[in-house]
């Protein structure tokens, strides 16, 4: 039995029907219990990002980054190769209907993203002068079960330091070779050096760089998709009709793969938007904010941007131009073959763009993949730093920094060498780490759901009082959130005073 077979068996268990049900069920549960904050509080999401919340959203501190920087860094992790190659993969294995299930997991996943990000903020700590937090922290602090917290942290390091960088680097090198004939060694050196320059500068530099790159590249990518859709406007009704027919098993051609349609839509949707396996929660915890719910709402919006905007942009380009193949249930025969001899992945999107703008597709995708891969690697750095700090929390600061820098160096080397190797099982290996993270985090979120719901209710209660919400965990009966006593007293004393006055007025 070779490595590919072993990996396939493991993934078969990790990503079986129970995990799909757990992912959909958790998102739906939070959405229903919190009355769909991803819809009700949409204006609040937007307000925190564009800077109208002057008290904290536009400001970073020596301990944390601004709300927008945190949003951009989390979005940099969400918007990556998965938005280009991952969407194509979902269509190849699951047919056009997989796109619909990516939308579903994004919409209800926004509820999950709120919960995990708000909890990450609630239970964040200060390590070596910077805010750190995420699933490992709220699992231990919220449930008291350290073994599961450590298991999550180690799985996260595996996924973000070993397997994930390989995927990002290879896809960039592959697209650069197709577009410019660039030697993979040169591509690997380019992205590795760029990564190292930023990564070794600390989390604040990560947030700053991501804040510049992510919005610009995402907007350009989405605008190109809109242009292509406009040129192919006659295909719009048929394209959306095909998506919905396939999604609900109403198309005879794709009926045999309907199970794969749902599985691959959910699987690649989770991989892309990361809602549920907790990676975005690490960036959420690093933000400077007066109330955890604010960052929960900001991160919910990042799920929208990733899947409903960027992933949809890729799907539109591929489906409106017919630039895709679909694998049959026997996993050997193509039931749709519009691109003979073309492998699934970035080449679908390249073919789609070239069909409208001949010769432009490869160059554009190579540039897009570079920036998307680069910002994803920066996000991986924050996730690795955070989980390393958790595992080594009882070690000295010198030891933590040594190990942290060692992992950054390992990632740099993996990026360099990964760009030169086409590992057929790379996606499957990455899915193992993500699958473990999902199982642990989804269960933890359900256990901690009463706390997440309390946090949202507290935020909305203060809004009704006409004050800018500020967080006091003791008011909600939340233990092990002691850092917030320091934060609210030192940084939000005026808001805290206004809160107490408003509450006293209600009592009187």
Protein backbone atom coordinates (compact mmCIF):
# COMPACT_ATOMS: atom_id res chain seq x y z
CA UNK A 1 0.00 0.00 0.00
CA UNK A 2 1.52 3.31 -1.10
CA UNK A 3 1.20 6.79 0.45
CA UNK A 4 -1.61 7.88 -1.87
CA UNK A 5 -3.70 4.85 -0.89
CA UNK A 6 -3.10 5.37 2.84
CA UNK A 7 -3.99 9.05 2.58
CA UNK A 8 -7.11 8.18 0.59
CA UNK A 9 -8.30 5.71 3.24
CA UNK A 10 -7.77 8.22 6.06
CA UNK A 11 -9.64 10.92 4.17
CA UNK A 12 -12.40 8.46 3.43
CA UNK A 13 -13.06 8.22 7.16
CA UNK A 14 -12.43 11.89 8.02
CA UNK A 15 -14.54 13.33 5.21
CA UNK A 16 -17.37 10.82 5.24
CA UNK A 17 -21.05 11.78 5.49
CA UNK A 18 -20.92 12.43 9.28
CA UNK A 19 -18.51 15.36 8.85
CA UNK A 20 -20.62 16.83 6.05
CA UNK A 21 -23.69 16.62 8.29
CA UNK A 22 -21.72 18.06 11.22
CA UNK A 23 -20.50 21.03 9.14
CA UNK A 24 -23.90 21.85 7.70
CA UNK A 25 -25.66 21.16 11.00
CA UNK A 26 -23.33 23.34 13.09
CA UNK A 27 -23.65 26.30 10.74
CA UNK A 28 -27.41 25.93 10.57
CA UNK A 29 -27.65 25.56 14.36
CA UNK A 30 -25.74 28.79 15.03
CA UNK A 31 -27.61 30.64 12.31
CA UNK A 32 -31.00 29.64 13.74
CA UNK A 33 -30.10 30.12 17.42
CA UNK A 34 -28.62 33.56 16.75
CA UNK A 35 -31.43 34.48 14.32
CA UNK A 36 -29.12 34.79 11.33
CA UNK A 37 -26.76 37.59 12.42
CA UNK A 38 -25.05 37.23 9.02
CA UNK A 39 -28.19 38.88 7.62
CA UNK A 40 -29.58 40.96 10.49
CA UNK A 41 -26.32 42.64 11.36
CA UNK A 42 -24.88 43.02 7.86
CA UNK A 43 -24.56 46.81 8.26
CA UNK A 44 -22.55 46.28 11.45
CA UNK A 45 -20.16 43.97 9.59
CA UNK A 46 -19.56 46.60 6.98
CA UNK A 47 -19.25 49.45 9.48
CA UNK A 48 -16.42 47.78 11.36
CA UNK A 49 -14.48 47.21 8.15
CA UNK A 50 -14.76 50.62 6.51
CA UNK A 51 -13.74 52.43 9.68
CA UNK A 52 -16.87 54.12 10.94
CA UNK A 53 -16.22 52.62 14.34
CA UNK A 54 -13.45 55.13 15.03
CA UNK A 55 -12.92 53.98 18.59
CA UNK A 56 -11.24 50.76 17.66
CA UNK A 57 -11.76 49.52 14.10
CA UNK A 58 -9.25 51.89 12.52
CA UNK A 59 -6.66 51.56 15.26
CA UNK A 60 -4.03 48.98 15.90
CA UNK A 61 -2.05 48.79 19.10
CA UNK A 62 1.28 47.41 20.18
CA UNK A 63 -0.57 44.27 21.26
CA UNK A 64 -2.96 43.80 18.33
CA UNK A 65 -3.86 44.80 14.80
CA UNK A 66 -6.83 46.81 13.65
CA UNK A 67 -10.13 45.17 12.82
CA UNK A 68 -9.51 45.72 9.11
CA UNK A 69 -5.98 44.31 9.28
CA UNK A 70 -7.29 41.24 11.09
CA UNK A 71 -10.08 40.91 8.53
CA UNK A 72 -7.58 41.22 5.65
CA UNK A 73 -5.21 38.67 7.18
CA UNK A 74 -8.01 36.18 7.76
CA UNK A 75 -9.30 36.84 4.25
CA UNK A 76 -5.78 36.31 2.95
CA UNK A 77 -5.95 32.83 4.46
CA UNK A 78 -9.41 32.19 3.05
CA UNK A 79 -8.68 33.63 -0.42
CA UNK A 80 -5.96 31.44 -1.85
CA UNK A 81 -5.33 28.71 -4.38
CA UNK A 82 -8.57 27.09 -3.21
CA UNK A 83 -10.51 29.93 -4.82
CA UNK A 84 -9.06 29.15 -8.25
CA UNK A 85 -7.91 25.54 -8.32
CA UNK A 86 -10.26 24.43 -5.52
CA UNK A 87 -13.42 25.59 -7.31
CA UNK A 88 -12.29 23.86 -10.48
CA UNK A 89 -11.63 20.70 -8.44
CA UNK A 90 -15.15 20.82 -6.98
CA UNK A 91 -16.66 21.16 -10.47
CA UNK A 92 -14.49 18.33 -11.85
CA UNK A 93 -15.49 15.83 -9.14
CA UNK A 94 -18.95 17.13 -8.24
CA UNK A 95 -20.26 18.83 -11.37
CA UNK A 96 -21.69 22.36 -11.66
CA UNK A 97 -24.08 21.73 -8.74
CA UNK A 98 -21.12 21.70 -6.34
CA UNK A 99 -21.02 25.50 -6.68
CA UNK A 100 -24.46 25.76 -5.05
CA UNK A 101 -23.34 23.73 -2.04
CA UNK A 102 -20.29 25.98 -1.74
CA UNK A 103 -22.74 28.89 -1.48
CA UNK A 104 -24.77 27.06 1.16
CA UNK A 105 -21.77 26.25 3.35
CA UNK A 106 -20.62 29.87 3.01
CA UNK A 107 -23.98 31.35 4.05
CA UNK A 108 -24.56 29.14 7.06
CA UNK A 109 -20.81 28.98 7.70
CA UNK A 110 -20.88 32.72 8.34
CA UNK A 111 -22.76 31.84 11.54
CA UNK A 112 -20.04 29.36 12.46
CA UNK A 113 -17.37 31.97 11.66
CA UNK A 114 -19.05 34.42 14.02
CA UNK A 115 -19.06 31.90 16.86
CA UNK A 116 -15.44 30.79 16.52
CA UNK A 117 -14.12 34.34 16.04
CA UNK A 118 -16.10 35.78 18.96
CA UNK A 119 -14.91 32.92 21.20
CA UNK A 120 -11.32 33.46 20.03
CA UNK A 121 -11.57 37.11 21.06
CA UNK A 122 -13.15 36.22 24.39
CA UNK A 123 -10.45 33.77 25.42
CA UNK A 124 -7.42 35.46 23.87
CA UNK A 125 -4.22 35.90 25.86
CA UNK A 126 -1.14 38.07 25.64
CA UNK A 127 2.04 36.22 24.70
CA UNK A 128 5.33 38.05 24.33
CA UNK A 129 3.46 41.35 24.12
CA UNK A 130 1.00 40.33 21.37
CA UNK A 131 -2.57 39.04 21.40
CA UNK A 132 -2.86 35.32 20.66
CA UNK A 133 -5.92 33.14 20.47
CA UNK A 134 -7.91 30.65 18.46
CA UNK A 135 -9.58 27.25 18.80
CA UNK A 136 -6.84 25.69 20.95
CA UNK A 137 -7.22 28.53 23.45
CA UNK A 138 -11.00 28.57 23.67
CA UNK A 139 -11.19 24.78 23.73
CA UNK A 140 -8.96 24.66 26.80
CA UNK A 141 -10.34 27.76 28.52
CA UNK A 142 -13.95 27.09 27.62
CA UNK A 143 -14.11 23.32 28.16
CA UNK A 144 -11.12 22.62 30.40
CA UNK A 145 -10.01 19.70 28.19
CA UNK A 146 -6.39 20.42 27.26
CA UNK A 147 -5.73 17.17 25.36
CA UNK A 148 -8.21 18.17 22.64
CA UNK A 149 -6.79 21.67 22.56
CA UNK A 150 -3.26 20.32 22.04
CA UNK A 151 -4.52 17.90 19.37
CA UNK A 152 -6.09 20.79 17.51
CA UNK A 153 -2.92 22.90 17.78
CA UNK A 154 -0.72 20.09 16.42
CA UNK A 155 -3.14 19.37 13.54
CA UNK A 156 -3.17 23.10 12.72
CA UNK A 157 0.64 23.22 12.61
CA UNK A 158 0.67 20.14 10.36
CA UNK A 159 -1.83 21.69 7.95
CA UNK A 160 -0.40 25.22 7.95
CA UNK A 161 3.34 24.53 8.16
CA UNK A 162 3.76 21.35 6.12
CA UNK A 163 0.98 20.46 3.69
CA UNK A 164 -0.66 23.81 2.99
CA UNK A 165 2.48 25.69 1.82
CA UNK A 166 3.27 22.92 -0.67
CA UNK A 167 -0.09 23.39 -2.41
CA UNK A 168 0.26 27.16 -2.56
CA UNK A 169 3.84 27.09 -3.86
CA UNK A 170 3.33 24.38 -6.48
CA UNK A 171 0.23 26.00 -7.96
CA UNK A 172 2.07 29.31 -8.30
CA UNK A 173 5.10 27.64 -9.90
CA UNK A 174 2.87 25.65 -12.25
CA UNK A 175 0.90 28.73 -13.36
CA UNK A 176 4.10 30.83 -13.73
CA UNK A 177 5.65 28.12 -15.90
CA UNK A 178 2.60 28.00 -18.17
CA UNK A 179 2.39 31.79 -18.43
CA UNK A 180 6.02 32.88 -18.63
CA UNK A 181 8.04 29.67 -19.01
CA UNK A 182 9.56 30.41 -15.61
CA UNK A 183 11.69 27.65 -14.15
CA UNK A 184 10.00 26.25 -10.99
CA UNK A 185 13.23 26.74 -9.04
CA UNK A 186 13.08 30.46 -9.82
CA UNK A 187 9.38 30.63 -8.93
CA UNK A 188 10.04 28.84 -5.67
CA UNK A 189 12.92 31.17 -4.80
CA UNK A 190 10.81 34.24 -5.63
CA UNK A 191 7.85 33.40 -3.43
CA UNK A 192 10.06 31.96 -0.67
CA UNK A 193 12.16 35.14 -0.41
CA UNK A 194 9.09 37.39 -0.46
CA UNK A 195 7.48 35.26 2.22
CA UNK A 196 10.56 35.25 4.46
CA UNK A 197 10.96 39.05 4.29
CA UNK A 198 7.46 39.59 5.61
CA UNK A 199 7.06 36.54 7.85
CA UNK A 200 10.10 37.24 9.99
CA UNK A 201 8.81 40.76 10.65
CA UNK A 202 6.12 39.68 13.13
CA UNK A 203 2.33 39.58 13.12
CA UNK A 204 1.88 43.35 12.77
CA UNK A 205 3.76 43.31 9.46
CA UNK A 206 1.65 40.35 8.32
CA UNK A 207 -1.53 42.34 8.91
CA UNK A 208 -0.17 45.47 7.23
CA UNK A 209 0.91 43.68 4.05
CA UNK A 210 -2.31 41.67 3.83
CA UNK A 211 -4.31 44.88 4.30
CA UNK A 212 -2.82 46.27 1.08
CA UNK A 213 -2.74 43.18 -1.14
CA UNK A 214 -5.94 41.25 -0.39
CA UNK A 215 -8.60 43.90 -1.12
CA UNK A 216 -6.95 45.08 -4.35
CA UNK A 217 -6.39 41.61 -5.81
CA UNK A 218 -9.85 40.38 -4.82
CA UNK A 219 -11.55 43.37 -6.45
CA UNK A 220 -9.55 43.00 -9.69
CA UNK A 221 -10.38 39.29 -9.84
CA UNK A 222 -14.09 39.85 -9.26
CA UNK A 223 -14.22 42.66 -11.83
CA UNK A 224 -12.67 40.39 -14.47
CA UNK A 225 -15.34 37.77 -13.75
CA UNK A 226 -18.06 40.41 -14.14
CA UNK A 227 -16.60 41.47 -17.50
CA UNK A 228 -16.52 37.85 -18.71
CA UNK A 229 -20.08 37.30 -17.49
CA UNK A 230 -21.17 40.46 -19.28
CA UNK A 231 -19.63 39.28 -22.54
CA UNK A 232 -21.34 35.90 -22.10
CA UNK A 233 -24.60 37.35 -20.75
CA UNK A 234 -26.66 35.03 -22.95
CA UNK A 235 -25.27 32.10 -20.97
CA UNK A 236 -26.47 33.44 -17.59
CA UNK A 237 -29.90 31.73 -17.47
CA UNK A 238 -28.53 28.41 -18.65
CA UNK A 239 -25.54 28.57 -16.30
CA UNK A 240 -27.59 29.20 -13.15
CA UNK A 241 -30.22 26.72 -14.31
CA UNK A 242 -27.53 24.05 -14.63
CA UNK A 243 -26.12 24.84 -11.18
CA UNK A 244 -29.51 24.49 -9.48
CA UNK A 245 -30.59 21.40 -11.44
CA UNK A 246 -27.39 19.59 -10.58
CA UNK A 247 -27.51 20.75 -6.94
CA UNK A 248 -30.93 19.16 -6.42
CA UNK A 249 -30.39 16.05 -8.55
CA UNK A 250 -32.69 17.19 -11.35
CA UNK A 251 -30.23 16.73 -14.20
CA UNK A 252 -30.06 13.25 -15.68
CA UNK A 253 -26.47 13.67 -16.86
CA UNK A 254 -25.12 14.34 -13.38
CA UNK A 255 -27.58 12.30 -11.32
CA UNK A 256 -25.11 9.47 -10.72
CA UNK A 257 -22.66 11.81 -8.96
CA UNK A 258 -25.17 13.74 -6.82
CA UNK A 259 -23.58 12.49 -3.61
CA UNK A 260 -20.22 13.78 -4.84
CA UNK A 261 -21.89 17.06 -5.77
CA UNK A 262 -22.79 17.76 -2.15
CA UNK A 263 -19.59 16.32 -0.66
CA UNK A 264 -17.22 18.22 -2.92
CA UNK A 265 -19.19 21.44 -2.64
CA UNK A 266 -19.06 21.31 1.15
CA UNK A 267 -15.49 19.97 1.25
CA UNK A 268 -13.97 22.56 -1.07
CA UNK A 269 -16.23 25.25 0.39
CA UNK A 270 -14.87 24.62 3.88
CA UNK A 271 -11.32 24.45 2.54
CA UNK A 272 -11.80 27.79 0.82
CA UNK A 273 -13.72 29.87 3.37
CA UNK A 274 -12.26 28.04 6.42
CA UNK A 275 -15.43 28.55 8.48
CA UNK A 276 -15.56 25.73 10.98
CA UNK A 277 -11.98 24.57 11.10
CA UNK A 278 -10.93 27.66 12.98
CA UNK A 279 -8.06 29.19 11.05
CA UNK A 280 -9.73 32.60 10.68
CA UNK A 281 -10.31 32.65 14.43
CA UNK A 282 -6.55 33.05 14.95
CA UNK A 283 -6.59 36.34 13.05
CA UNK A 284 -9.76 37.40 14.86
CA UNK A 285 -8.07 36.96 18.24
CA UNK A 286 -5.19 39.22 17.19
CA UNK A 287 -7.46 42.23 16.62
CA UNK A 288 -7.84 45.23 18.90
CA UNK A 289 -11.56 45.67 19.64
CA UNK A 290 -13.88 46.65 22.49
CA UNK A 291 -16.22 43.65 22.20
CA UNK A 292 -15.69 40.10 20.83
CA UNK A 293 -18.91 40.24 18.80
CA UNK A 294 -17.45 43.00 16.64
CA UNK A 295 -14.69 40.77 15.38
CA UNK A 296 -17.13 37.88 15.04
CA UNK A 297 -19.20 39.97 12.66
CA UNK A 298 -16.15 41.18 10.73
CA UNK A 299 -14.97 37.61 10.18
CA UNK A 300 -18.46 36.53 9.09
CA UNK A 301 -18.16 39.05 6.29
CA UNK A 302 -14.79 37.59 5.22
CA UNK A 303 -16.57 34.27 4.54
CA UNK A 304 -18.95 36.11 2.22
CA UNK A 305 -16.09 37.76 0.37
CA UNK A 306 -14.23 34.49 -0.04
CA UNK A 307 -16.98 32.20 -1.28
CA UNK A 308 -19.92 34.32 -2.42
CA UNK A 309 -17.64 36.77 -4.24
CA UNK A 310 -14.23 35.31 -5.15
CA UNK A 311 -15.18 31.62 -5.49
CA UNK A 312 -18.31 32.59 -7.39
CA UNK A 313 -16.15 34.71 -9.69
CA UNK A 314 -14.11 31.62 -10.56
CA UNK A 315 -17.24 29.50 -11.04
CA UNK A 316 -18.78 32.16 -13.31
CA UNK A 317 -15.71 32.31 -15.52
CA UNK A 318 -15.50 28.52 -15.81
CA UNK A 319 -19.20 27.70 -16.26
CA UNK A 320 -20.21 30.64 -18.48
CA UNK A 321 -17.47 29.75 -20.96
CA UNK A 322 -17.90 25.97 -20.68
CA UNK A 323 -14.24 25.57 -19.68
CA UNK A 324 -14.56 22.42 -17.56
CA UNK A 325 -14.66 18.64 -17.47
CA UNK A 326 -16.65 16.47 -15.05
CA UNK A 327 -15.61 13.03 -13.83
CA UNK A 328 -18.19 10.24 -13.77
CA UNK A 329 -19.17 8.02 -10.86
CA UNK A 330 -16.71 5.34 -11.95
CA UNK A 331 -13.88 7.86 -11.42
CA UNK A 332 -12.35 6.95 -14.79
CA UNK A 333 -14.76 8.24 -17.44
CA UNK A 334 -15.53 11.90 -18.12
CA UNK A 335 -19.27 12.55 -18.39
CA UNK A 336 -18.54 16.08 -19.58
CA UNK A 337 -15.41 16.77 -21.63
CA UNK A 338 -15.24 20.34 -22.85
CA UNK A 339 -11.45 20.57 -22.46
CA UNK A 340 -9.85 17.42 -23.91
CA UNK A 341 -6.49 16.68 -22.37
CA UNK A 342 -6.70 19.49 -19.79
CA UNK A 343 -6.24 18.62 -16.12
CA UNK A 344 -8.53 20.14 -13.51
CA UNK A 345 -7.23 23.07 -11.50
CA UNK A 346 -5.95 26.49 -12.52
CA UNK A 347 -6.03 25.50 -16.19
CA UNK A 348 -9.84 25.60 -16.19
CA UNK A 349 -9.79 29.27 -15.21
CA UNK A 350 -6.97 29.99 -17.64
CA UNK A 351 -8.96 28.40 -20.46
CA UNK A 352 -12.03 30.41 -19.45
CA UNK A 353 -10.19 33.73 -19.56
CA UNK A 354 -8.38 32.84 -22.80
CA UNK A 355 -11.72 32.10 -24.48
CA UNK A 356 -12.64 35.75 -24.01
CA UNK A 357 -9.22 37.41 -23.95
CA UNK A 358 -6.88 35.19 -25.99
CA UNK A 359 -3.40 34.88 -24.51
CA UNK A 360 -4.31 36.82 -21.35
CA UNK A 361 -5.51 34.00 -19.12
CA UNK A 362 -2.25 32.34 -18.19
CA UNK A 363 -0.46 35.59 -17.30
CA UNK A 364 -3.37 36.91 -15.24
CA UNK A 365 -3.85 33.67 -13.31
CA UNK A 366 -0.11 33.39 -12.63
CA UNK A 367 -0.13 36.88 -11.09
CA UNK A 368 -3.37 36.23 -9.21
CA UNK A 369 -2.14 32.90 -7.85
CA UNK A 370 1.10 34.54 -6.69
CA UNK A 371 -0.69 37.16 -4.62
CA UNK A 372 -3.38 34.79 -3.37
CA UNK A 373 -0.77 32.16 -2.45
CA UNK A 374 1.50 34.76 -0.88
CA UNK A 375 -1.17 36.22 1.41
CA UNK A 376 -2.32 32.71 2.33
CA UNK A 377 1.23 31.86 3.38
CA UNK A 378 1.30 34.99 5.54
CA UNK A 379 -1.89 33.87 7.24
CA UNK A 380 -0.38 30.42 7.78
CA UNK A 381 2.44 32.14 9.64
CA UNK A 382 0.09 33.74 12.14
CA UNK A 383 -1.74 30.43 12.65
CA UNK A 384 1.55 28.58 13.22
CA UNK A 385 2.84 31.24 15.62
CA UNK A 386 -0.37 31.14 17.63
CA UNK A 387 -0.52 27.37 17.98
CA UNK A 388 3.20 27.09 18.71
CA UNK A 389 2.79 29.63 21.51
CA UNK A 390 -0.06 27.53 22.88
CA UNK A 391 1.85 24.24 22.87
CA UNK A 392 4.95 25.91 24.36
CA UNK A 393 3.16 28.23 26.77
CA UNK A 394 5.17 26.96 29.75
CA UNK A 395 8.49 27.46 27.96
CA UNK A 396 10.64 30.56 28.11
CA UNK A 397 10.14 33.44 25.68
CA UNK A 398 13.52 32.62 24.12
CA UNK A 399 12.44 29.01 23.49
CA UNK A 400 9.14 30.09 21.96
CA UNK A 401 10.84 32.55 19.63
CA UNK A 402 13.44 29.96 18.62
CA UNK A 403 10.81 27.35 17.75
CA UNK A 404 8.60 29.96 16.04
CA UNK A 405 11.46 31.11 13.83
CA UNK A 406 12.43 27.51 13.13
CA UNK A 407 8.90 26.77 11.88
CA UNK A 408 8.98 29.92 9.72
CA UNK A 409 12.27 28.71 8.24
CA UNK A 410 10.77 25.26 7.59
CA UNK A 411 7.81 26.88 5.81
CA UNK A 412 10.23 28.96 3.72
CA UNK A 413 12.11 25.81 2.67
CA UNK A 414 8.88 23.91 1.97
CA UNK A 415 7.69 26.79 -0.19
CA UNK A 416 10.95 26.70 -2.13
CA UNK A 417 11.15 22.95 -2.66
CA UNK A 418 7.36 22.49 -2.91
CA UNK A 419 7.30 24.73 -5.97
CA UNK A 420 9.43 22.19 -7.82
CA UNK A 421 7.44 19.08 -7.00
CA UNK A 422 4.04 18.02 -8.20
CA UNK A 423 2.78 15.96 -5.31
CA UNK A 424 -0.32 14.21 -6.53
CA UNK A 425 -1.48 13.59 -3.00
CA UNK A 426 -0.84 17.16 -1.71
CA UNK A 427 -4.51 18.13 -1.66
CA UNK A 428 -5.45 14.90 0.10
CA UNK A 429 -2.68 15.29 2.68
CA UNK A 430 -3.82 18.85 3.38
CA UNK A 431 -7.36 17.55 3.81
CA UNK A 432 -6.19 15.23 6.62
CA UNK A 433 -4.98 18.12 8.78
CA UNK A 434 -8.10 20.13 7.97
CA UNK A 435 -10.35 17.15 8.64
CA UNK A 436 -8.87 16.66 12.13
CA UNK A 437 -9.21 20.38 12.83
CA UNK A 438 -12.85 20.31 11.68
CA UNK A 439 -13.86 17.35 13.83
CA UNK A 440 -12.34 18.87 16.97
CA UNK A 441 -13.47 22.44 16.34
CA UNK A 442 -17.05 21.71 15.26
CA UNK A 443 -17.67 19.60 18.37
CA UNK A 444 -16.04 22.25 20.59
CA UNK A 445 -18.18 24.99 19.04
CA UNK A 446 -21.36 23.05 19.77
CA UNK A 447 -20.25 22.52 23.38
CA UNK A 448 -19.41 26.23 23.72
CA UNK A 449 -22.46 27.46 21.79
CA UNK A 450 -24.23 28.89 24.89
CA UNK A 451 -21.24 31.15 25.49
CA UNK A 452 -21.12 32.37 21.88
CA UNK A 453 -24.85 33.12 21.97
CA UNK A 454 -24.43 35.06 25.23
CA UNK A 455 -21.72 37.19 23.64
CA UNK A 456 -23.96 38.17 20.73
CA UNK A 457 -26.92 38.90 23.02
CA UNK A 458 -24.71 41.12 25.19
CA UNK A 459 -23.57 43.06 22.13
CA UNK A 460 -27.13 43.59 20.90
CA UNK A 461 -28.34 44.51 24.41
CA UNK A 462 -25.77 47.28 24.66
CA UNK A 463 -26.62 48.54 21.19
CA UNK A 464 -30.26 48.88 22.28
CA UNK A 465 -29.05 51.01 25.20
CA UNK A 466 -27.52 53.37 22.64
CA UNK A 467 -23.89 52.79 23.64
CA UNK A 468 -20.83 51.45 21.86
CA UNK A 469 -20.59 47.87 23.22
CA UNK A 470 -17.73 47.07 25.58
CA UNK A 471 -17.03 43.63 27.01
CA UNK A 472 -17.13 42.53 30.65
CA UNK A 473 -16.99 38.71 30.77
CA UNK A 474 -18.09 38.61 34.42
CA UNK A 475 -21.47 40.07 33.41
CA UNK A 476 -22.06 36.96 31.30
CA UNK A 477 -20.69 34.47 33.82
CA UNK A 478 -17.70 33.71 31.56
CA UNK A 479 -14.58 32.52 33.37
CA UNK A 480 -10.97 32.34 32.19
CA UNK A 481 -11.25 35.57 30.18
CA UNK A 482 -9.16 37.57 32.62
CA UNK A 483 -7.29 39.56 29.95
CA UNK A 484 -10.48 41.52 29.26
CA UNK A 485 -10.39 43.08 32.73
CA UNK A 486 -7.12 44.72 31.71
CA UNK A 487 -8.29 45.62 28.18
CA UNK A 488 -11.55 47.32 29.15
CA UNK A 489 -10.02 49.19 32.09
CA UNK A 490 -6.97 50.50 30.24
CA UNK A 491 -8.31 51.08 26.73
CA UNK A 492 -12.06 51.48 26.90
CA UNK A 493 -12.65 53.19 30.24
CA UNK A 494 -14.94 55.87 28.75
CA UNK A 495 -17.08 53.24 27.00
CA UNK A 496 -17.16 51.21 30.21
CA UNK A 497 -18.37 54.22 32.18
CA UNK A 498 -21.04 54.95 29.56
CA UNK A 499 -22.19 51.33 29.77
CA UNK A 500 -22.52 51.40 33.55
CA UNK A 501 -24.41 54.71 33.44
CA UNK A 502 -26.83 53.39 30.82
CA UNK A 503 -27.43 50.19 32.80
CA UNK A 504 -28.01 52.15 36.00
CA UNK A 505 -30.50 54.39 34.21
CA UNK A 506 -32.49 51.34 33.12
CA UNK A 507 -32.60 50.01 36.70
CA UNK A 508 -33.85 53.35 38.03
